[in-house]
């Protein structure tokens, strides 16, 4: 399951970036919600919190606020992805 989420993170981050580029707040909300749910399965609180805030901003139509948060979310979700891959390969949790 860890490897599956690690493989999914780049797709979800790409969906966030595409939605931001298109200023599509509904697609952005869906992508943020999916990332939040996936991260919650591993109790990745920082990623969950940021994705939840991104979801809230996009639901409110605040694409510019969402864009400011998206960079930080990308860094956090990438760290989660690396930790999940390490866990899947070694059984050691480094997150």
PDB file of N, CA and C in Angstrom:
ATOM      1  N   UNK A   1       0.816  -1.189   0.000  1.00  0.00           N
ATOM      2  CA  UNK A   1       0.000   0.000   0.000  1.00  0.00           C
ATOM      3  C   UNK A   1       0.871   1.269   0.000  1.00  0.00           C
ATOM      4  N   UNK A   2       1.977   1.220   0.713  1.00  0.00           N
ATOM      5  CA  UNK A   2       2.878   2.377   0.747  1.00  0.00           C
ATOM      6  C   UNK A   2       3.409   2.680  -0.646  1.00  0.00           C
ATOM      7  N   UNK A   3       3.792   1.643  -1.373  1.00  0.00           N
ATOM      8  CA  UNK A   3       4.317   1.851  -2.723  1.00  0.00           C
ATOM      9  C   UNK A   3       3.236   2.410  -3.638  1.00  0.00           C
ATOM     10  N   UNK A   4       2.002   1.946  -3.459  1.00  0.00           N
ATOM     11  CA  UNK A   4       0.900   2.441  -4.294  1.00  0.00           C
ATOM     12  C   UNK A   4       0.698   3.944  -4.092  1.00  0.00           C
ATOM     13  N   UNK A   5       0.741   4.399  -2.840  1.00  0.00           N
ATOM     14  CA  UNK A   5       0.596   5.838  -2.601  1.00  0.00           C
ATOM     15  C   UNK A   5       1.805   6.596  -3.134  1.00  0.00           C
ATOM     16  N   UNK A   6       2.991   6.052  -2.925  1.00  0.00           N
ATOM     17  CA  UNK A   6       4.195   6.710  -3.439  1.00  0.00           C
ATOM     18  C   UNK A   6       4.102   6.888  -4.949  1.00  0.00           C
ATOM     19  N   UNK A   7       3.542   5.897  -5.621  1.00  0.00           N
ATOM     20  CA  UNK A   7       3.377   5.985  -7.069  1.00  0.00           C
ATOM     21  C   UNK A   7       2.274   6.972  -7.463  1.00  0.00           C
ATOM     22  N   UNK A   8       1.304   7.168  -6.576  1.00  0.00           N
ATOM     23  CA  UNK A   8       0.165   8.042  -6.859  1.00  0.00           C
ATOM     24  C   UNK A   8       0.482   9.523  -6.624  1.00  0.00           C
ATOM     25  N   UNK A   9       1.398   9.814  -5.722  1.00  0.00           N
ATOM     26  CA  UNK A   9       1.702  11.206  -5.368  1.00  0.00           C
ATOM     27  C   UNK A   9       2.068  12.051  -6.594  1.00  0.00           C
ATOM     28  N   UNK A  10       2.955  11.615  -7.480  1.00  0.00           N
ATOM     29  CA  UNK A  10       3.277  12.461  -8.644  1.00  0.00           C
ATOM     30  C   UNK A  10       2.058  12.769  -9.519  1.00  0.00           C
ATOM     31  N   UNK A  11       1.171  11.797  -9.682  1.00  0.00           N
ATOM     32  CA  UNK A  11      -0.038  12.027 -10.481  1.00  0.00           C
ATOM     33  C   UNK A  11      -0.938  13.065  -9.809  1.00  0.00           C
ATOM     34  N   UNK A  12      -1.083  12.961  -8.496  1.00  0.00           N
ATOM     35  CA  UNK A  12      -1.922  13.915  -7.775  1.00  0.00           C
ATOM     36  C   UNK A  12      -1.315  15.317  -7.800  1.00  0.00           C
ATOM     37  N   UNK A  13      -0.002  15.405  -7.645  1.00  0.00           N
ATOM     38  CA  UNK A  13       0.657  16.716  -7.717  1.00  0.00           C
ATOM     39  C   UNK A  13       0.538  17.314  -9.121  1.00  0.00           C
ATOM     40  N   UNK A  14       0.618  16.471 -10.140  1.00  0.00           N
ATOM     41  CA  UNK A  14       0.438  16.950 -11.514  1.00  0.00           C
ATOM     42  C   UNK A  14      -0.984  17.462 -11.715  1.00  0.00           C
ATOM     43  N   UNK A  15      -1.965  16.785 -11.128  1.00  0.00           N
ATOM     44  CA  UNK A  15      -3.357  17.232 -11.235  1.00  0.00           C
ATOM     45  C   UNK A  15      -3.534  18.590 -10.559  1.00  0.00           C
ATOM     46  N   UNK A  16      -2.874  18.788  -9.426  1.00  0.00           N
ATOM     47  CA  UNK A  16      -2.912  20.089  -8.749  1.00  0.00           C
ATOM     48  C   UNK A  16      -2.311  21.158  -9.658  1.00  0.00           C
ATOM     49  N   UNK A  17      -1.146  20.881 -10.224  1.00  0.00           N
ATOM     50  CA  UNK A  17      -0.472  21.856 -11.089  1.00  0.00           C
ATOM     51  C   UNK A  17      -1.307  22.184 -12.323  1.00  0.00           C
ATOM     52  N   UNK A  18      -1.900  21.169 -12.935  1.00  0.00           N
ATOM     53  CA  UNK A  18      -2.729  21.392 -14.123  1.00  0.00           C
ATOM     54  C   UNK A  18      -3.953  22.240 -13.782  1.00  0.00           C
ATOM     55  N   UNK A  19      -4.576  21.949 -12.649  1.00  0.00           N
ATOM     56  CA  UNK A  19      -5.755  22.714 -12.241  1.00  0.00           C
ATOM     57  C   UNK A  19      -5.383  24.168 -11.952  1.00  0.00           C
ATOM     58  N   UNK A  20      -4.231  24.368 -11.316  1.00  0.00           N
ATOM     59  CA  UNK A  20      -3.774  25.735 -11.055  1.00  0.00           C
ATOM     60  C   UNK A  20      -3.498  26.473 -12.359  1.00  0.00           C
ATOM     61  N   UNK A  21      -2.828  25.805 -13.291  1.00  0.00           N
ATOM     62  CA  UNK A  21      -2.503  26.437 -14.574  1.00  0.00           C
ATOM     63  C   UNK A  21      -3.763  26.835 -15.333  1.00  0.00           C
ATOM     64  N   UNK A  22      -4.814  26.029 -15.182  1.00  0.00           N
ATOM     65  CA  UNK A  22      -6.075  26.316 -15.860  1.00  0.00           C
ATOM     66  C   UNK A  22      -7.001  27.193 -15.017  1.00  0.00           C
ATOM     67  N   UNK A  23      -6.564  27.531 -13.805  1.00  0.00           N
ATOM     68  CA  UNK A  23      -7.403  28.276 -12.849  1.00  0.00           C
ATOM     69  C   UNK A  23      -8.750  27.584 -12.661  1.00  0.00           C
ATOM     70  N   UNK A  24      -8.707  26.249 -12.605  1.00  0.00           N
ATOM     71  CA  UNK A  24      -9.912  25.423 -12.460  1.00  0.00           C
ATOM     72  C   UNK A  24     -10.063  25.038 -10.993  1.00  0.00           C
ATOM     73  N   UNK A  25     -10.822  25.835 -10.257  1.00  0.00           N
ATOM     74  CA  UNK A  25     -10.926  25.614  -8.816  1.00  0.00           C
ATOM     75  C   UNK A  25     -11.615  24.297  -8.476  1.00  0.00           C
ATOM     76  N   UNK A  26     -12.544  23.835  -9.309  1.00  0.00           N
ATOM     77  CA  UNK A  26     -13.214  22.562  -9.025  1.00  0.00           C
ATOM     78  C   UNK A  26     -12.251  21.387  -9.188  1.00  0.00           C
ATOM     79  N   UNK A  27     -11.478  21.380 -10.266  1.00  0.00           N
ATOM     80  CA  UNK A  27     -10.484  20.316 -10.460  1.00  0.00           C
ATOM     81  C   UNK A  27      -9.422  20.378  -9.370  1.00  0.00           C
ATOM     82  N   UNK A  28      -9.070  21.570  -8.958  1.00  0.00           N
ATOM     83  CA  UNK A  28      -8.091  21.743  -7.889  1.00  0.00           C
ATOM     84  C   UNK A  28      -8.631  21.181  -6.577  1.00  0.00           C
ATOM     85  N   UNK A  29      -9.886  21.448  -6.285  1.00  0.00           N
ATOM     86  CA  UNK A  29     -10.511  20.924  -5.073  1.00  0.00           C
ATOM     87  C   UNK A  29     -10.513  19.400  -5.083  1.00  0.00           C
ATOM     88  N   UNK A  30     -10.854  18.804  -6.218  1.00  0.00           N
ATOM     89  CA  UNK A  30     -10.876  17.334  -6.320  1.00  0.00           C
ATOM     90  C   UNK A  30      -9.481  16.741  -6.135  1.00  0.00           C
ATOM     91  N   UNK A  31      -8.482  17.356  -6.747  1.00  0.00           N
ATOM     92  CA  UNK A  31      -7.108  16.852  -6.620  1.00  0.00           C
ATOM     93  C   UNK A  31      -6.616  16.980  -5.183  1.00  0.00           C
ATOM     94  N   UNK A  32      -6.908  18.107  -4.551  1.00  0.00           N
ATOM     95  CA  UNK A  32      -6.503  18.307  -3.157  1.00  0.00           C
ATOM     96  C   UNK A  32      -7.204  17.309  -2.247  1.00  0.00           C
ATOM     97  N   UNK A  33      -8.476  17.066  -2.503  1.00  0.00           N
ATOM     98  CA  UNK A  33      -9.235  16.104  -1.698  1.00  0.00           C
ATOM     99  C   UNK A  33      -8.648  14.697  -1.835  1.00  0.00           C
ATOM    100  N   UNK A  34      -8.307  14.312  -3.049  1.00  0.00           N
ATOM    101  CA  UNK A  34      -7.721  12.987  -3.277  1.00  0.00           C
ATOM    102  C   UNK A  34      -6.376  12.851  -2.571  1.00  0.00           C
ATOM    103  N   UNK A  35      -5.556  13.883  -2.648  1.00  0.00           N
ATOM    104  CA  UNK A  35      -4.254  13.850  -1.981  1.00  0.00           C
ATOM    105  C   UNK A  35      -4.429  13.799  -0.466  1.00  0.00           C
ATOM    106  N   UNK A  36      -5.369  14.572   0.047  1.00  0.00           N
ATOM    107  CA  UNK A  36      -5.651  14.572   1.486  1.00  0.00           C
ATOM    108  C   UNK A  36      -6.061  13.174   1.949  1.00  0.00           C
ATOM    109  N   UNK A  37      -6.959  12.545   1.229  1.00  0.00           N
ATOM    110  CA  UNK A  37      -7.425  11.214   1.602  1.00  0.00           C
ATOM    111  C   UNK A  37      -6.324  10.175   1.547  1.00  0.00           C
ATOM    112  N   UNK A  38      -5.513  10.241   0.521  1.00  0.00           N
ATOM    113  CA  UNK A  38      -4.415   9.282   0.390  1.00  0.00           C
ATOM    114  C   UNK A  38      -3.413   9.455   1.525  1.00  0.00           C
ATOM    115  N   UNK A  39      -3.067  10.693   1.838  1.00  0.00           N
ATOM    116  CA  UNK A  39      -2.101  10.955   2.906  1.00  0.00           C
ATOM    117  C   UNK A  39      -2.665  10.573   4.269  1.00  0.00           C
ATOM    118  N   UNK A  40      -3.966  10.725   4.446  1.00  0.00           N
ATOM    119  CA  UNK A  40      -4.597  10.379   5.722  1.00  0.00           C
ATOM    120  C   UNK A  40      -4.470   8.891   6.023  1.00  0.00           C
ATOM    121  N   UNK A  41      -4.416   8.064   4.991  1.00  0.00           N
ATOM    122  CA  UNK A  41      -4.245   6.620   5.203  1.00  0.00           C
ATOM    123  C   UNK A  41      -2.945   6.296   5.917  1.00  0.00           C
ATOM    124  N   UNK A  42      -1.981   7.208   5.860  1.00  0.00           N
ATOM    125  CA  UNK A  42      -0.682   6.990   6.499  1.00  0.00           C
ATOM    126  C   UNK A  42      -0.434   7.990   7.631  1.00  0.00           C
ATOM    127  N   UNK A  43      -1.485   8.666   8.061  1.00  0.00           N
ATOM    128  CA  UNK A  43      -1.380   9.654   9.147  1.00  0.00           C
ATOM    129  C   UNK A  43      -0.291  10.689   8.872  1.00  0.00           C
ATOM    130  N   UNK A  44      -0.164  11.080   7.626  1.00  0.00           N
ATOM    131  CA  UNK A  44       0.824  12.089   7.227  1.00  0.00           C
ATOM    132  C   UNK A  44       0.202  13.463   7.467  1.00  0.00           C
ATOM    133  N   UNK A  45       0.207  13.883   8.730  1.00  0.00           N
ATOM    134  CA  UNK A  45      -0.549  15.057   9.157  1.00  0.00           C
ATOM    135  C   UNK A  45      -0.182  16.342   8.417  1.00  0.00           C
ATOM    136  N   UNK A  46       1.085  16.582   8.169  1.00  0.00           N
ATOM    137  CA  UNK A  46       1.464  17.826   7.486  1.00  0.00           C
ATOM    138  C   UNK A  46       0.877  17.865   6.075  1.00  0.00           C
ATOM    139  N   UNK A  47       0.969  16.757   5.365  1.00  0.00           N
ATOM    140  CA  UNK A  47       0.406  16.693   4.016  1.00  0.00           C
ATOM    141  C   UNK A  47      -1.110  16.813   4.072  1.00  0.00           C
ATOM    142  N   UNK A  48      -1.730  16.120   5.024  1.00  0.00           N
ATOM    143  CA  UNK A  48      -3.189  16.183   5.179  1.00  0.00           C
ATOM    144  C   UNK A  48      -3.634  17.618   5.460  1.00  0.00           C
ATOM    145  N   UNK A  49      -2.944  18.286   6.366  1.00  0.00           N
ATOM    146  CA  UNK A  49      -3.311  19.655   6.733  1.00  0.00           C
ATOM    147  C   UNK A  49      -3.187  20.600   5.542  1.00  0.00           C
ATOM    148  N   UNK A  50      -2.082  20.504   4.813  1.00  0.00           N
ATOM    149  CA  UNK A  50      -1.892  21.386   3.656  1.00  0.00           C
ATOM    150  C   UNK A  50      -2.892  21.082   2.549  1.00  0.00           C
ATOM    151  N   UNK A  51      -3.135  19.803   2.290  1.00  0.00           N
ATOM    152  CA  UNK A  51      -4.100  19.433   1.252  1.00  0.00           C
ATOM    153  C   UNK A  51      -5.505  19.871   1.644  1.00  0.00           C
ATOM    154  N   UNK A  52      -5.828  19.776   2.922  1.00  0.00           N
ATOM    155  CA  UNK A  52      -7.133  20.227   3.408  1.00  0.00           C
ATOM    156  C   UNK A  52      -7.297  21.734   3.208  1.00  0.00           C
ATOM    157  N   UNK A  53      -6.251  22.480   3.505  1.00  0.00           N
ATOM    158  CA  UNK A  53      -6.291  23.930   3.300  1.00  0.00           C
ATOM    159  C   UNK A  53      -6.391  24.260   1.810  1.00  0.00           C
ATOM    160  N   UNK A  54      -5.676  23.519   0.977  1.00  0.00           N
ATOM    161  CA  UNK A  54      -5.766  23.724  -0.472  1.00  0.00           C
ATOM    162  C   UNK A  54      -7.188  23.435  -0.954  1.00  0.00           C
ATOM    163  N   UNK A  55      -7.778  22.385  -0.420  1.00  0.00           N
ATOM    164  CA  UNK A  55      -9.160  22.041  -0.766  1.00  0.00           C
ATOM    165  C   UNK A  55     -10.108  23.178  -0.355  1.00  0.00           C
ATOM    166  N   UNK A  56      -9.914  23.720   0.850  1.00  0.00           N
ATOM    167  CA  UNK A  56     -10.760  24.809   1.343  1.00  0.00           C
ATOM    168  C   UNK A  56     -10.617  26.059   0.467  1.00  0.00           C
ATOM    169  N   UNK A  57      -9.374  26.412   0.149  1.00  0.00           N
ATOM    170  CA  UNK A  57      -9.134  27.591  -0.687  1.00  0.00           C
ATOM    171  C   UNK A  57      -9.755  27.431  -2.069  1.00  0.00           C
ATOM    172  N   UNK A  58      -9.605  26.258  -2.647  1.00  0.00           N
ATOM    173  CA  UNK A  58     -10.148  26.047  -3.991  1.00  0.00           C
ATOM    174  C   UNK A  58     -11.672  26.015  -3.965  1.00  0.00           C
ATOM    175  N   UNK A  59     -12.269  25.453  -2.908  1.00  0.00           N
ATOM    176  CA  UNK A  59     -13.733  25.451  -2.792  1.00  0.00           C
ATOM    177  C   UNK A  59     -14.267  26.876  -2.678  1.00  0.00           C
ATOM    178  N   UNK A  60     -13.463  27.756  -2.082  1.00  0.00           N
ATOM    179  CA  UNK A  60     -13.846  29.164  -1.959  1.00  0.00           C
ATOM    180  C   UNK A  60     -13.523  29.958  -3.226  1.00  0.00           C
ATOM    181  N   UNK A  61     -12.903  29.306  -4.205  1.00  0.00           N
ATOM    182  CA  UNK A  61     -12.547  29.983  -5.450  1.00  0.00           C
ATOM    183  C   UNK A  61     -11.295  30.826  -5.356  1.00  0.00           C
ATOM    184  N   UNK A  62     -10.520  30.640  -4.297  1.00  0.00           N
ATOM    185  CA  UNK A  62      -9.296  31.425  -4.087  1.00  0.00           C
ATOM    186  C   UNK A  62      -8.105  30.720  -4.746  1.00  0.00           C
ATOM    187  N   UNK A  63      -8.047  30.799  -6.059  1.00  0.00           N
ATOM    188  CA  UNK A  63      -6.988  30.115  -6.803  1.00  0.00           C
ATOM    189  C   UNK A  63      -5.629  30.739  -6.516  1.00  0.00           C
ATOM    190  N   UNK A  64      -5.572  32.049  -6.323  1.00  0.00           N
ATOM    191  CA  UNK A  64      -4.273  32.674  -6.042  1.00  0.00           C
ATOM    192  C   UNK A  64      -3.759  32.254  -4.668  1.00  0.00           C
ATOM    193  N   UNK A  65      -4.627  32.164  -3.677  1.00  0.00           N
ATOM    194  CA  UNK A  65      -4.214  31.662  -2.365  1.00  0.00           C
ATOM    195  C   UNK A  65      -3.785  30.214  -2.448  1.00  0.00           C
ATOM    196  N   UNK A  66      -4.506  29.444  -3.239  1.00  0.00           N
ATOM    197  CA  UNK A  66      -4.160  28.038  -3.429  1.00  0.00           C
ATOM    198  C   UNK A  66      -2.799  27.907  -4.102  1.00  0.00           C
ATOM    199  N   UNK A  67      -2.524  28.774  -5.053  1.00  0.00           N
ATOM    200  CA  UNK A  67      -1.235  28.724  -5.754  1.00  0.00           C
ATOM    201  C   UNK A  67      -0.082  28.986  -4.798  1.00  0.00           C
ATOM    202  N   UNK A  68      -0.286  29.905  -3.851  1.00  0.00           N
ATOM    203  CA  UNK A  68       0.773  30.187  -2.868  1.00  0.00           C
ATOM    204  C   UNK A  68       1.047  28.970  -1.983  1.00  0.00           C
ATOM    205  N   UNK A  69       0.019  28.207  -1.661  1.00  0.00           N
ATOM    206  CA  UNK A  69       0.170  27.032  -0.806  1.00  0.00           C
ATOM    207  C   UNK A  69       0.698  25.821  -1.576  1.00  0.00           C
ATOM    208  N   UNK A  70       0.412  25.742  -2.850  1.00  0.00           N
ATOM    209  CA  UNK A  70       0.718  24.546  -3.639  1.00  0.00           C
ATOM    210  C   UNK A  70       2.206  24.197  -3.646  1.00  0.00           C
ATOM    211  N   UNK A  71       3.069  25.186  -3.673  1.00  0.00           N
ATOM    212  CA  UNK A  71       4.510  24.911  -3.669  1.00  0.00           C
ATOM    213  C   UNK A  71       4.956  24.220  -2.397  1.00  0.00           C
ATOM    214  N   UNK A  72       4.446  24.689  -1.263  1.00  0.00           N
ATOM    215  CA  UNK A  72       4.782  24.054   0.018  1.00  0.00           C
ATOM    216  C   UNK A  72       4.214  22.643   0.089  1.00  0.00           C
ATOM    217  N   UNK A  73       2.993  22.478  -0.434  1.00  0.00           N
ATOM    218  CA  UNK A  73       2.380  21.150  -0.450  1.00  0.00           C
ATOM    219  C   UNK A  73       3.192  20.197  -1.317  1.00  0.00           C
ATOM    220  N   UNK A  74       3.689  20.679  -2.433  1.00  0.00           N
ATOM    221  CA  UNK A  74       4.497  19.829  -3.312  1.00  0.00           C
ATOM    222  C   UNK A  74       5.752  19.339  -2.594  1.00  0.00           C
ATOM    223  N   UNK A  75       6.414  20.221  -1.868  1.00  0.00           N
ATOM    224  CA  UNK A  75       7.614  19.831  -1.118  1.00  0.00           C
ATOM    225  C   UNK A  75       7.258  18.781  -0.070  1.00  0.00           C
ATOM    226  N   UNK A  76       6.204  19.026   0.687  1.00  0.00           N
ATOM    227  CA  UNK A  76       5.797  18.102   1.752  1.00  0.00           C
ATOM    228  C   UNK A  76       5.379  16.749   1.185  1.00  0.00           C
ATOM    229  N   UNK A  77       4.569  16.764   0.126  1.00  0.00           N
ATOM    230  CA  UNK A  77       4.096  15.515  -0.472  1.00  0.00           C
ATOM    231  C   UNK A  77       5.248  14.739  -1.110  1.00  0.00           C
ATOM    232  N   UNK A  78       6.226  15.434  -1.642  1.00  0.00           N
ATOM    233  CA  UNK A  78       7.402  14.762  -2.206  1.00  0.00           C
ATOM    234  C   UNK A  78       8.209  14.093  -1.102  1.00  0.00           C
ATOM    235  N   UNK A  79       8.337  14.753   0.041  1.00  0.00           N
ATOM    236  CA  UNK A  79       9.022  14.125   1.177  1.00  0.00           C
ATOM    237  C   UNK A  79       8.267  12.885   1.636  1.00  0.00           C
ATOM    238  N   UNK A  80       6.946  12.967   1.654  1.00  0.00           N
ATOM    239  CA  UNK A  80       6.125  11.804   1.998  1.00  0.00           C
ATOM    240  C   UNK A  80       6.358  10.679   0.999  1.00  0.00           C
ATOM    241  N   UNK A  81       6.383  11.008  -0.286  1.00  0.00           N
ATOM    242  CA  UNK A  81       6.592  10.003  -1.327  1.00  0.00           C
ATOM    243  C   UNK A  81       7.924   9.281  -1.133  1.00  0.00           C
ATOM    244  N   UNK A  82       8.976  10.021  -0.860  1.00  0.00           N
ATOM    245  CA  UNK A  82      10.296   9.423  -0.641  1.00  0.00           C
ATOM    246  C   UNK A  82      10.260   8.510   0.580  1.00  0.00           C
ATOM    247  N   UNK A  83       9.621   8.971   1.656  1.00  0.00           N
ATOM    248  CA  UNK A  83       9.532   8.159   2.872  1.00  0.00           C
ATOM    249  C   UNK A  83       8.737   6.884   2.626  1.00  0.00           C
ATOM    250  N   UNK A  84       7.666   6.982   1.858  1.00  0.00           N
ATOM    251  CA  UNK A  84       6.862   5.794   1.561  1.00  0.00           C
ATOM    252  C   UNK A  84       7.641   4.796   0.715  1.00  0.00           C
ATOM    253  N   UNK A  85       8.396   5.296  -0.243  1.00  0.00           N
ATOM    254  CA  UNK A  85       9.212   4.386  -1.064  1.00  0.00           C
ATOM    255  C   UNK A  85      10.274   3.698  -0.216  1.00  0.00           C
ATOM    256  N   UNK A  86      10.885   4.451   0.692  1.00  0.00           N
ATOM    257  CA  UNK A  86      11.876   3.864   1.595  1.00  0.00           C
ATOM    258  C   UNK A  86      11.229   2.795   2.458  1.00  0.00           C
ATOM    259  N   UNK A  87      10.056   3.095   2.991  1.00  0.00           N
ATOM    260  CA  UNK A  87       9.343   2.131   3.827  1.00  0.00           C
ATOM    261  C   UNK A  87       8.981   0.881   3.032  1.00  0.00           C
ATOM    262  N   UNK A  88       8.493   1.070   1.810  1.00  0.00           N
ATOM    263  CA  UNK A  88       8.110  -0.075   0.977  1.00  0.00           C
ATOM    264  C   UNK A  88       9.307  -0.966   0.665  1.00  0.00           C
ATOM    265  N   UNK A  89      10.478  -0.359   0.512  1.00  0.00           N
ATOM    266  CA  UNK A  89      11.680  -1.120   0.155  1.00  0.00           C
ATOM    267  C   UNK A  89      12.396  -1.719   1.358  1.00  0.00           C
ATOM    268  N   UNK A  90      12.359  -1.015   2.499  1.00  0.00           N
ATOM    269  CA  UNK A  90      13.178  -1.441   3.643  1.00  0.00           C
ATOM    270  C   UNK A  90      12.387  -1.786   4.895  1.00  0.00           C
ATOM    271  N   UNK A  91      11.138  -1.337   4.957  1.00  0.00           N
ATOM    272  CA  UNK A  91      10.350  -1.531   6.168  1.00  0.00           C
ATOM    273  C   UNK A  91      10.661  -0.508   7.242  1.00  0.00           C
ATOM    274  N   UNK A  92      11.511   0.461   6.928  1.00  0.00           N
ATOM    275  CA  UNK A  92      11.893   1.497   7.887  1.00  0.00           C
ATOM    276  C   UNK A  92      11.113   2.769   7.569  1.00  0.00           C
ATOM    277  N   UNK A  93      10.440   3.300   8.580  1.00  0.00           N
ATOM    278  CA  UNK A  93       9.675   4.538   8.412  1.00  0.00           C
ATOM    279  C   UNK A  93      10.578   5.720   8.703  1.00  0.00           C
ATOM    280  N   UNK A  94      10.776   6.578   7.713  1.00  0.00           N
ATOM    281  CA  UNK A  94      11.669   7.730   7.862  1.00  0.00           C
ATOM    282  C   UNK A  94      10.909   9.038   7.704  1.00  0.00           C
ATOM    283  N   UNK A  95       9.622   9.046   8.030  1.00  0.00           N
ATOM    284  CA  UNK A  95       8.818  10.264   7.850  1.00  0.00           C
ATOM    285  C   UNK A  95       8.422  10.800   9.189  1.00  0.00           C
TER     286      UNK A  95
END
